[in-house]
């Protein structure tokens, strides 16, 4: 049985169990794969980057509202226009009428 040991990180203290030699390669692979994510989180936690992130989020929110409004306003008209074009194209190609077309 392995004895637990304590590690200190900043103001925190953690109890750890020694790692089995069989798990060590997997642990190293996971740590290596998580390194870019940790760097991204550290980069985003800087105050100047967080401010830019909030500005981009607000800009995306504004774009989403505009797109939803445009689809709501023009959606029926655009759908009707596409249906008319589809009927004309399929009618010209197939030479038979689609029952959905007027």
PDB file of N, CA and C in Angstrom:
ATOM      1  N   UNK A   1       0.849  -1.187   0.000  1.00  0.00           N
ATOM      2  CA  UNK A   1       0.000   0.000   0.000  1.00  0.00           C
ATOM      3  C   UNK A   1       0.883   1.234   0.000  1.00  0.00           C
ATOM      4  N   UNK A   2       0.567   2.157  -0.875  1.00  0.00           N
ATOM      5  CA  UNK A   2       1.328   3.394  -0.958  1.00  0.00           C
ATOM      6  C   UNK A   2       0.777   4.390   0.037  1.00  0.00           C
ATOM      7  N   UNK A   3       1.682   5.147   0.616  1.00  0.00           N
ATOM      8  CA  UNK A   3       1.257   6.164   1.576  1.00  0.00           C
ATOM      9  C   UNK A   3       0.966   7.471   0.851  1.00  0.00           C
ATOM     10  N   UNK A   4      -0.105   8.167   1.214  1.00  0.00           N
ATOM     11  CA  UNK A   4      -0.390   9.469   0.589  1.00  0.00           C
ATOM     12  C   UNK A   4       0.633  10.504   1.021  1.00  0.00           C
ATOM     13  N   UNK A   5       0.804  11.502   0.183  1.00  0.00           N
ATOM     14  CA  UNK A   5       1.701  12.607   0.505  1.00  0.00           C
ATOM     15  C   UNK A   5       0.993  13.905   0.171  1.00  0.00           C
ATOM     16  N   UNK A   6       1.490  14.991   0.748  1.00  0.00           N
ATOM     17  CA  UNK A   6       0.852  16.294   0.606  1.00  0.00           C
ATOM     18  C   UNK A   6       1.702  17.173  -0.310  1.00  0.00           C
ATOM     19  N   UNK A   7       1.026  17.865  -1.240  1.00  0.00           N
ATOM     20  CA  UNK A   7       1.710  18.847  -2.065  1.00  0.00           C
ATOM     21  C   UNK A   7       1.038  20.196  -1.847  1.00  0.00           C
ATOM     22  N   UNK A   8       1.805  21.248  -2.002  1.00  0.00           N
ATOM     23  CA  UNK A   8       1.299  22.610  -1.808  1.00  0.00           C
ATOM     24  C   UNK A   8       1.377  23.352  -3.137  1.00  0.00           C
ATOM     25  N   UNK A   9       0.243  23.916  -3.555  1.00  0.00           N
ATOM     26  CA  UNK A   9       0.175  24.728  -4.769  1.00  0.00           C
ATOM     27  C   UNK A   9      -0.441  26.060  -4.375  1.00  0.00           C
ATOM     28  N   UNK A  10       0.379  27.090  -4.354  1.00  0.00           N
ATOM     29  CA  UNK A  10      -0.113  28.399  -3.939  1.00  0.00           C
ATOM     30  C   UNK A  10      -0.640  28.336  -2.524  1.00  0.00           C
ATOM     31  N   UNK A  11      -1.891  28.733  -2.336  1.00  0.00           N
ATOM     32  CA  UNK A  11      -2.514  28.699  -1.020  1.00  0.00           C
ATOM     33  C   UNK A  11      -3.209  27.373  -0.736  1.00  0.00           C
ATOM     34  N   UNK A  12      -3.130  26.435  -1.658  1.00  0.00           N
ATOM     35  CA  UNK A  12      -3.855  25.180  -1.520  1.00  0.00           C
ATOM     36  C   UNK A  12      -2.917  24.044  -1.144  1.00  0.00           C
ATOM     37  N   UNK A  13      -3.459  23.101  -0.418  1.00  0.00           N
ATOM     38  CA  UNK A  13      -2.721  21.914  -0.023  1.00  0.00           C
ATOM     39  C   UNK A  13      -3.531  20.697  -0.456  1.00  0.00           C
ATOM     40  N   UNK A  14      -2.895  19.778  -1.178  1.00  0.00           N
ATOM     41  CA  UNK A  14      -3.586  18.605  -1.692  1.00  0.00           C
ATOM     42  C   UNK A  14      -2.911  17.333  -1.193  1.00  0.00           C
ATOM     43  N   UNK A  15      -3.723  16.330  -0.895  1.00  0.00           N
ATOM     44  CA  UNK A  15      -3.204  15.013  -0.561  1.00  0.00           C
ATOM     45  C   UNK A  15      -3.205  14.176  -1.826  1.00  0.00           C
ATOM     46  N   UNK A  16      -2.092  13.566  -2.141  1.00  0.00           N
ATOM     47  CA  UNK A  16      -1.942  12.777  -3.359  1.00  0.00           C
ATOM     48  C   UNK A  16      -1.528  11.352  -3.006  1.00  0.00           C
ATOM     49  N   UNK A  17      -1.910  10.427  -3.864  1.00  0.00           N
ATOM     50  CA  UNK A  17      -1.446   9.053  -3.745  1.00  0.00           C
ATOM     51  C   UNK A  17      -0.374   8.821  -4.799  1.00  0.00           C
ATOM     52  N   UNK A  18       0.672   8.094  -4.480  1.00  0.00           N
ATOM     53  CA  UNK A  18       1.686   7.806  -5.496  1.00  0.00           C
ATOM     54  C   UNK A  18       1.058   7.051  -6.674  1.00  0.00           C
ATOM     55  N   UNK A  19       1.560   7.306  -7.861  1.00  0.00           N
ATOM     56  CA  UNK A  19       0.986   6.739  -9.063  1.00  0.00           C
ATOM     57  C   UNK A  19       1.592   5.371  -9.341  1.00  0.00           C
ATOM     58  N   UNK A  20       0.749   4.466  -9.768  1.00  0.00           N
ATOM     59  CA  UNK A  20       1.214   3.144 -10.156  1.00  0.00           C
ATOM     60  C   UNK A  20       2.050   3.253 -11.425  1.00  0.00           C
ATOM     61  N   UNK A  21       3.136   2.485 -11.550  1.00  0.00           N
ATOM     62  CA  UNK A  21       3.952   2.558 -12.763  1.00  0.00           C
ATOM     63  C   UNK A  21       3.173   2.197 -14.031  1.00  0.00           C
ATOM     64  N   UNK A  22       2.129   1.415 -13.913  1.00  0.00           N
ATOM     65  CA  UNK A  22       1.338   1.048 -15.088  1.00  0.00           C
ATOM     66  C   UNK A  22       0.519   2.220 -15.614  1.00  0.00           C
ATOM     67  N   UNK A  23       0.144   3.142 -14.754  1.00  0.00           N
ATOM     68  CA  UNK A  23      -0.698   4.280 -15.145  1.00  0.00           C
ATOM     69  C   UNK A  23       0.146   5.473 -15.591  1.00  0.00           C
ATOM     70  N   UNK A  24       1.417   5.485 -15.259  1.00  0.00           N
ATOM     71  CA  UNK A  24       2.270   6.646 -15.522  1.00  0.00           C
ATOM     72  C   UNK A  24       2.303   7.064 -16.997  1.00  0.00           C
ATOM     73  N   UNK A  25       2.449   6.154 -17.982  1.00  0.00           N
ATOM     74  CA  UNK A  25       2.443   6.617 -19.382  1.00  0.00           C
ATOM     75  C   UNK A  25       1.131   7.279 -19.793  1.00  0.00           C
ATOM     76  N   UNK A  26       0.008   6.742 -19.334  1.00  0.00           N
ATOM     77  CA  UNK A  26      -1.288   7.345 -19.633  1.00  0.00           C
ATOM     78  C   UNK A  26      -1.397   8.728 -18.997  1.00  0.00           C
ATOM     79  N   UNK A  27      -0.936   8.849 -17.768  1.00  0.00           N
ATOM     80  CA  UNK A  27      -0.967  10.139 -17.080  1.00  0.00           C
ATOM     81  C   UNK A  27      -0.126  11.166 -17.833  1.00  0.00           C
ATOM     82  N   UNK A  28       1.043  10.773 -18.289  1.00  0.00           N
ATOM     83  CA  UNK A  28       1.898  11.701 -19.047  1.00  0.00           C
ATOM     84  C   UNK A  28       1.230  12.118 -20.359  1.00  0.00           C
ATOM     85  N   UNK A  29       0.580  11.175 -21.026  1.00  0.00           N
ATOM     86  CA  UNK A  29      -0.095  11.503 -22.286  1.00  0.00           C
ATOM     87  C   UNK A  29      -1.245  12.487 -22.056  1.00  0.00           C
ATOM     88  N   UNK A  30      -1.993  12.295 -20.990  1.00  0.00           N
ATOM     89  CA  UNK A  30      -3.098  13.210 -20.675  1.00  0.00           C
ATOM     90  C   UNK A  30      -2.553  14.589 -20.321  1.00  0.00           C
ATOM     91  N   UNK A  31      -1.480  14.637 -19.537  1.00  0.00           N
ATOM     92  CA  UNK A  31      -0.880  15.920 -19.183  1.00  0.00           C
ATOM     93  C   UNK A  31      -0.371  16.641 -20.418  1.00  0.00           C
ATOM     94  N   UNK A  32       0.243  15.894 -21.342  1.00  0.00           N
ATOM     95  CA  UNK A  32       0.757  16.498 -22.566  1.00  0.00           C
ATOM     96  C   UNK A  32      -0.390  17.021 -23.435  1.00  0.00           C
ATOM     97  N   UNK A  33      -1.492  16.268 -23.529  1.00  0.00           N
ATOM     98  CA  UNK A  33      -2.632  16.698 -24.337  1.00  0.00           C
ATOM     99  C   UNK A  33      -3.338  17.903 -23.729  1.00  0.00           C
ATOM    100  N   UNK A  34      -3.308  18.053 -22.416  1.00  0.00           N
ATOM    101  CA  UNK A  34      -4.007  19.153 -21.745  1.00  0.00           C
ATOM    102  C   UNK A  34      -3.190  20.434 -21.715  1.00  0.00           C
ATOM    103  N   UNK A  35      -1.933  20.377 -22.087  1.00  0.00           N
ATOM    104  CA  UNK A  35      -1.067  21.560 -22.011  1.00  0.00           C
ATOM    105  C   UNK A  35      -1.590  22.734 -22.836  1.00  0.00           C
ATOM    106  N   UNK A  36      -2.008  22.558 -24.102  1.00  0.00           N
ATOM    107  CA  UNK A  36      -2.526  23.714 -24.854  1.00  0.00           C
ATOM    108  C   UNK A  36      -3.774  24.325 -24.221  1.00  0.00           C
ATOM    109  N   UNK A  37      -4.646  23.501 -23.663  1.00  0.00           N
ATOM    110  CA  UNK A  37      -5.840  24.024 -23.009  1.00  0.00           C
ATOM    111  C   UNK A  37      -5.474  24.852 -21.788  1.00  0.00           C
ATOM    112  N   UNK A  38      -4.495  24.377 -21.016  1.00  0.00           N
ATOM    113  CA  UNK A  38      -4.066  25.160 -19.855  1.00  0.00           C
ATOM    114  C   UNK A  38      -3.453  26.489 -20.284  1.00  0.00           C
ATOM    115  N   UNK A  39      -2.696  26.491 -21.379  1.00  0.00           N
ATOM    116  CA  UNK A  39      -2.122  27.745 -21.874  1.00  0.00           C
ATOM    117  C   UNK A  39      -3.214  28.706 -22.330  1.00  0.00           C
ATOM    118  N   UNK A  40      -4.251  28.175 -23.003  1.00  0.00           N
ATOM    119  CA  UNK A  40      -5.354  29.023 -23.449  1.00  0.00           C
ATOM    120  C   UNK A  40      -6.083  29.630 -22.263  1.00  0.00           C
ATOM    121  N   UNK A  41      -6.350  28.829 -21.239  1.00  0.00           N
ATOM    122  CA  UNK A  41      -7.042  29.339 -20.049  1.00  0.00           C
ATOM    123  C   UNK A  41      -6.199  30.403 -19.364  1.00  0.00           C
ATOM    124  N   UNK A  42      -4.893  30.178 -19.262  1.00  0.00           N
ATOM    125  CA  UNK A  42      -4.014  31.180 -18.643  1.00  0.00           C
ATOM    126  C   UNK A  42      -4.007  32.461 -19.465  1.00  0.00           C
ATOM    127  N   UNK A  43      -4.016  32.324 -20.795  1.00  0.00           N
ATOM    128  CA  UNK A  43      -4.015  33.503 -21.652  1.00  0.00           C
ATOM    129  C   UNK A  43      -5.318  34.276 -21.517  1.00  0.00           C
ATOM    130  N   UNK A  44      -6.450  33.566 -21.422  1.00  0.00           N
ATOM    131  CA  UNK A  44      -7.746  34.231 -21.309  1.00  0.00           C
ATOM    132  C   UNK A  44      -7.960  34.867 -19.940  1.00  0.00           C
ATOM    133  N   UNK A  45      -7.238  34.416 -18.939  1.00  0.00           N
ATOM    134  CA  UNK A  45      -7.432  34.968 -17.601  1.00  0.00           C
ATOM    135  C   UNK A  45      -6.751  36.315 -17.427  1.00  0.00           C
ATOM    136  N   UNK A  46      -5.918  36.708 -18.380  1.00  0.00           N
ATOM    137  CA  UNK A  46      -5.311  38.031 -18.305  1.00  0.00           C
ATOM    138  C   UNK A  46      -6.402  39.088 -18.501  1.00  0.00           C
ATOM    139  N   UNK A  47      -6.361  40.160 -17.737  1.00  0.00           N
ATOM    140  CA  UNK A  47      -7.451  41.150 -17.811  1.00  0.00           C
ATOM    141  C   UNK A  47      -7.645  41.757 -19.197  1.00  0.00           C
ATOM    142  N   UNK A  48      -6.571  42.041 -19.924  1.00  0.00           N
ATOM    143  CA  UNK A  48      -6.742  42.680 -21.226  1.00  0.00           C
ATOM    144  C   UNK A  48      -7.368  41.724 -22.236  1.00  0.00           C
ATOM    145  N   UNK A  49      -7.130  40.416 -22.092  1.00  0.00           N
ATOM    146  CA  UNK A  49      -7.741  39.460 -23.001  1.00  0.00           C
ATOM    147  C   UNK A  49      -9.194  39.202 -22.624  1.00  0.00           C
ATOM    148  N   UNK A  50      -9.485  39.235 -21.351  1.00  0.00           N
ATOM    149  CA  UNK A  50     -10.864  39.022 -20.916  1.00  0.00           C
ATOM    150  C   UNK A  50     -11.768  40.143 -21.420  1.00  0.00           C
ATOM    151  N   UNK A  51     -11.248  41.367 -21.427  1.00  0.00           N
ATOM    152  CA  UNK A  51     -12.033  42.488 -21.928  1.00  0.00           C
ATOM    153  C   UNK A  51     -12.330  42.295 -23.410  1.00  0.00           C
ATOM    154  N   UNK A  52     -11.343  41.877 -24.196  1.00  0.00           N
ATOM    155  CA  UNK A  52     -11.554  41.629 -25.617  1.00  0.00           C
ATOM    156  C   UNK A  52     -12.537  40.500 -25.846  1.00  0.00           C
ATOM    157  N   UNK A  53     -12.477  39.483 -24.986  1.00  0.00           N
ATOM    158  CA  UNK A  53     -13.388  38.355 -25.104  1.00  0.00           C
ATOM    159  C   UNK A  53     -14.834  38.789 -24.873  1.00  0.00           C
ATOM    160  N   UNK A  54     -15.045  39.666 -23.910  1.00  0.00           N
ATOM    161  CA  UNK A  54     -16.397  40.175 -23.644  1.00  0.00           C
ATOM    162  C   UNK A  54     -16.889  41.002 -24.825  1.00  0.00           C
ATOM    163  N   UNK A  55     -16.013  41.789 -25.415  1.00  0.00           N
ATOM    164  CA  UNK A  55     -16.415  42.592 -26.570  1.00  0.00           C
ATOM    165  C   UNK A  55     -16.805  41.704 -27.749  1.00  0.00           C
ATOM    166  N   UNK A  56     -16.041  40.638 -27.989  1.00  0.00           N
ATOM    167  CA  UNK A  56     -16.394  39.715 -29.065  1.00  0.00           C
ATOM    168  C   UNK A  56     -17.709  39.005 -28.771  1.00  0.00           C
ATOM    169  N   UNK A  57     -17.948  38.648 -27.523  1.00  0.00           N
ATOM    170  CA  UNK A  57     -19.210  37.986 -27.158  1.00  0.00           C
ATOM    171  C   UNK A  57     -20.391  38.919 -27.403  1.00  0.00           C
ATOM    172  N   UNK A  58     -20.241  40.194 -27.058  1.00  0.00           N
ATOM    173  CA  UNK A  58     -21.318  41.156 -27.305  1.00  0.00           C
ATOM    174  C   UNK A  58     -21.551  41.362 -28.795  1.00  0.00           C
ATOM    175  N   UNK A  59     -20.468  41.375 -29.572  1.00  0.00           N
ATOM    176  CA  UNK A  59     -20.596  41.524 -31.016  1.00  0.00           C
ATOM    177  C   UNK A  59     -21.312  40.314 -31.620  1.00  0.00           C
ATOM    178  N   UNK A  60     -20.970  39.111 -31.178  1.00  0.00           N
ATOM    179  CA  UNK A  60     -21.656  37.912 -31.660  1.00  0.00           C
ATOM    180  C   UNK A  60     -23.128  37.914 -31.267  1.00  0.00           C
ATOM    181  N   UNK A  61     -23.426  38.393 -30.074  1.00  0.00           N
ATOM    182  CA  UNK A  61     -24.819  38.494 -29.636  1.00  0.00           C
ATOM    183  C   UNK A  61     -25.592  39.450 -30.527  1.00  0.00           C
ATOM    184  N   UNK A  62     -25.006  40.586 -30.860  1.00  0.00           N
ATOM    185  CA  UNK A  62     -25.657  41.552 -31.741  1.00  0.00           C
ATOM    186  C   UNK A  62     -25.894  40.958 -33.124  1.00  0.00           C
ATOM    187  N   UNK A  63     -24.911  40.243 -33.656  1.00  0.00           N
ATOM    188  CA  UNK A  63     -25.070  39.614 -34.971  1.00  0.00           C
ATOM    189  C   UNK A  63     -26.184  38.572 -34.927  1.00  0.00           C
ATOM    190  N   UNK A  64     -26.243  37.788 -33.859  1.00  0.00           N
ATOM    191  CA  UNK A  64     -27.288  36.771 -33.731  1.00  0.00           C
ATOM    192  C   UNK A  64     -28.669  37.411 -33.692  1.00  0.00           C
ATOM    193  N   UNK A  65     -28.812  38.510 -32.973  1.00  0.00           N
ATOM    194  CA  UNK A  65     -30.104  39.197 -32.895  1.00  0.00           C
ATOM    195  C   UNK A  65     -30.509  39.726 -34.268  1.00  0.00           C
ATOM    196  N   UNK A  66     -29.565  40.283 -35.012  1.00  0.00           N
ATOM    197  CA  UNK A  66     -29.863  40.806 -36.346  1.00  0.00           C
ATOM    198  C   UNK A  66     -30.269  39.674 -37.287  1.00  0.00           C
ATOM    199  N   UNK A  67     -29.561  38.551 -37.229  1.00  0.00           N
ATOM    200  CA  UNK A  67     -29.890  37.422 -38.100  1.00  0.00           C
ATOM    201  C   UNK A  67     -31.265  36.861 -37.762  1.00  0.00           C
ATOM    202  N   UNK A  68     -31.563  36.710 -36.490  1.00  0.00           N
ATOM    203  CA  UNK A  68     -32.879  36.196 -36.087  1.00  0.00           C
ATOM    204  C   UNK A  68     -33.985  37.150 -36.538  1.00  0.00           C
ATOM    205  N   UNK A  69     -33.744  38.441 -36.385  1.00  0.00           N
ATOM    206  CA  UNK A  69     -34.733  39.422 -36.830  1.00  0.00           C
ATOM    207  C   UNK A  69     -34.940  39.391 -38.335  1.00  0.00           C
ATOM    208  N   UNK A  70     -33.849  39.245 -39.094  1.00  0.00           N
ATOM    209  CA  UNK A  70     -33.965  39.198 -40.558  1.00  0.00           C
ATOM    210  C   UNK A  70     -34.693  37.942 -41.009  1.00  0.00           C
ATOM    211  N   UNK A  71     -34.396  36.816 -40.388  1.00  0.00           N
ATOM    212  CA  UNK A  71     -35.085  35.574 -40.759  1.00  0.00           C
ATOM    213  C   UNK A  71     -36.560  35.667 -40.414  1.00  0.00           C
ATOM    214  N   UNK A  72     -36.877  36.252 -39.274  1.00  0.00           N
ATOM    215  CA  UNK A  72     -38.275  36.399 -38.881  1.00  0.00           C
ATOM    216  C   UNK A  72     -39.013  37.332 -39.838  1.00  0.00           C
ATOM    217  N   UNK A  73     -38.365  38.406 -40.210  1.00  0.00           N
ATOM    218  CA  UNK A  73     -39.005  39.401 -41.060  1.00  0.00           C
ATOM    219  C   UNK A  73     -39.137  38.939 -42.507  1.00  0.00           C
ATOM    220  N   UNK A  74     -38.046  38.378 -43.057  1.00  0.00           N
ATOM    221  CA  UNK A  74     -38.037  38.038 -44.480  1.00  0.00           C
ATOM    222  C   UNK A  74     -38.173  36.545 -44.746  1.00  0.00           C
ATOM    223  N   UNK A  75     -38.309  35.734 -43.724  1.00  0.00           N
ATOM    224  CA  UNK A  75     -38.302  34.285 -43.896  1.00  0.00           C
ATOM    225  C   UNK A  75     -39.371  33.756 -44.819  1.00  0.00           C
ATOM    226  N   UNK A  76     -40.605  34.213 -44.658  1.00  0.00           N
ATOM    227  CA  UNK A  76     -41.718  33.718 -45.480  1.00  0.00           C
ATOM    228  C   UNK A  76     -41.534  34.146 -46.930  1.00  0.00           C
ATOM    229  N   UNK A  77     -41.131  35.393 -47.129  1.00  0.00           N
ATOM    230  CA  UNK A  77     -40.949  35.876 -48.500  1.00  0.00           C
ATOM    231  C   UNK A  77     -39.818  35.140 -49.212  1.00  0.00           C
ATOM    232  N   UNK A  78     -38.726  34.914 -48.518  1.00  0.00           N
ATOM    233  CA  UNK A  78     -37.597  34.208 -49.131  1.00  0.00           C
ATOM    234  C   UNK A  78     -37.967  32.758 -49.411  1.00  0.00           C
ATOM    235  N   UNK A  79     -38.689  32.125 -48.507  1.00  0.00           N
ATOM    236  CA  UNK A  79     -39.121  30.743 -48.721  1.00  0.00           C
ATOM    237  C   UNK A  79     -40.030  30.647 -49.941  1.00  0.00           C
ATOM    238  N   UNK A  80     -40.942  31.591 -50.091  1.00  0.00           N
ATOM    239  CA  UNK A  80     -41.840  31.602 -51.250  1.00  0.00           C
ATOM    240  C   UNK A  80     -41.051  31.806 -52.535  1.00  0.00           C
ATOM    241  N   UNK A  81     -40.083  32.708 -52.507  1.00  0.00           N
ATOM    242  CA  UNK A  81     -39.256  32.970 -53.685  1.00  0.00           C
ATOM    243  C   UNK A  81     -38.469  31.725 -54.077  1.00  0.00           C
ATOM    244  N   UNK A  82     -37.860  31.051 -53.110  1.00  0.00           N
ATOM    245  CA  UNK A  82     -37.116  29.821 -53.406  1.00  0.00           C
ATOM    246  C   UNK A  82     -38.038  28.738 -53.954  1.00  0.00           C
ATOM    247  N   UNK A  83     -39.239  28.633 -53.420  1.00  0.00           N
ATOM    248  CA  UNK A  83     -40.195  27.634 -53.920  1.00  0.00           C
ATOM    249  C   UNK A  83     -40.573  27.926 -55.367  1.00  0.00           C
ATOM    250  N   UNK A  84     -40.806  29.184 -55.711  1.00  0.00           N
ATOM    251  CA  UNK A  84     -41.148  29.550 -57.091  1.00  0.00           C
ATOM    252  C   UNK A  84     -40.005  29.246 -58.046  1.00  0.00           C
ATOM    253  N   UNK A  85     -38.779  29.565 -57.637  1.00  0.00           N
ATOM    254  CA  UNK A  85     -37.612  29.279 -58.479  1.00  0.00           C
ATOM    255  C   UNK A  85     -37.451  27.772 -58.645  1.00  0.00           C
ATOM    256  N   UNK A  86     -37.656  27.013 -57.559  1.00  0.00           N
ATOM    257  CA  UNK A  86     -37.544  25.557 -57.627  1.00  0.00           C
ATOM    258  C   UNK A  86     -38.572  24.988 -58.589  1.00  0.00           C
ATOM    259  N   UNK A  87     -39.786  25.482 -58.524  1.00  0.00           N
ATOM    260  CA  UNK A  87     -40.834  24.989 -59.424  1.00  0.00           C
ATOM    261  C   UNK A  87     -40.489  25.274 -60.884  1.00  0.00           C
ATOM    262  N   UNK A  88     -39.965  26.465 -61.148  1.00  0.00           N
ATOM    263  CA  UNK A  88     -39.608  26.811 -62.529  1.00  0.00           C
ATOM    264  C   UNK A  88     -38.447  25.969 -63.031  1.00  0.00           C
ATOM    265  N   UNK A  89     -37.456  25.741 -62.182  1.00  0.00           N
ATOM    266  CA  UNK A  89     -36.281  24.964 -62.594  1.00  0.00           C
ATOM    267  C   UNK A  89     -36.663  23.503 -62.800  1.00  0.00           C
ATOM    268  N   UNK A  90     -37.370  22.903 -61.848  1.00  0.00           N
ATOM    269  CA  UNK A  90     -37.751  21.498 -61.998  1.00  0.00           C
ATOM    270  C   UNK A  90     -38.737  21.314 -63.139  1.00  0.00           C
ATOM    271  N   UNK A  91     -39.602  22.290 -63.375  1.00  0.00           N
ATOM    272  CA  UNK A  91     -40.537  22.199 -64.498  1.00  0.00           C
ATOM    273  C   UNK A  91     -39.823  22.268 -65.826  1.00  0.00           C
ATOM    274  N   UNK A  92     -38.792  23.091 -65.915  1.00  0.00           N
ATOM    275  CA  UNK A  92     -38.051  23.217 -67.163  1.00  0.00           C
ATOM    276  C   UNK A  92     -37.184  21.995 -67.407  1.00  0.00           C
ATOM    277  N   UNK A  93     -36.690  21.385 -66.374  1.00  0.00           N
ATOM    278  CA  UNK A  93     -35.803  20.233 -66.537  1.00  0.00           C
ATOM    279  C   UNK A  93     -36.599  18.967 -66.780  1.00  0.00           C
ATOM    280  N   UNK A  94     -37.633  18.731 -66.011  1.00  0.00           N
ATOM    281  CA  UNK A  94     -38.370  17.453 -66.070  1.00  0.00           C
ATOM    282  C   UNK A  94     -39.544  17.488 -67.038  1.00  0.00           C
ATOM    283  N   UNK A  95     -39.982  18.627 -67.440  1.00  0.00           N
ATOM    284  CA  UNK A  95     -41.129  18.802 -68.334  1.00  0.00           C
ATOM    285  C   UNK A  95     -42.419  18.206 -67.767  1.00  0.00           C
ATOM    286  N   UNK A  96     -42.457  18.006 -66.478  1.00  0.00           N
ATOM    287  CA  UNK A  96     -43.730  17.600 -65.849  1.00  0.00           C
ATOM    288  C   UNK A  96     -43.928  18.466 -64.610  1.00  0.00           C
ATOM    289  N   UNK A  97     -45.146  18.688 -64.291  1.00  0.00           N
ATOM    290  CA  UNK A  97     -45.466  19.630 -63.232  1.00  0.00           C
ATOM    291  C   UNK A  97     -45.369  18.956 -61.879  1.00  0.00           C
ATOM    292  N   UNK A  98     -44.811  19.675 -60.937  1.00  0.00           N
ATOM    293  CA  UNK A  98     -44.745  19.240 -59.563  1.00  0.00           C
ATOM    294  C   UNK A  98     -46.096  19.609 -58.931  1.00  0.00           C
ATOM    295  N   UNK A  99     -46.751  18.698 -58.211  1.00  0.00           N
ATOM    296  CA  UNK A  99     -48.060  19.045 -57.612  1.00  0.00           C
ATOM    297  C   UNK A  99     -47.979  20.181 -56.593  1.00  0.00           C
ATOM    298  N   UNK A 100     -46.807  20.412 -56.027  1.00  0.00           N
ATOM    299  CA  UNK A 100     -46.673  21.495 -55.064  1.00  0.00           C
ATOM    300  C   UNK A 100     -46.563  22.842 -55.737  1.00  0.00           C
ATOM    301  N   UNK A 101     -46.281  22.847 -57.033  1.00  0.00           N
ATOM    302  CA  UNK A 101     -46.120  24.131 -57.753  1.00  0.00           C
ATOM    303  C   UNK A 101     -47.474  24.658 -58.178  1.00  0.00           C
ATOM    304  N   UNK A 102     -47.620  25.978 -58.197  1.00  0.00           N
ATOM    305  CA  UNK A 102     -48.897  26.574 -58.617  1.00  0.00           C
ATOM    306  C   UNK A 102     -49.112  26.482 -60.105  1.00  0.00           C
TER     307      UNK A 102
END
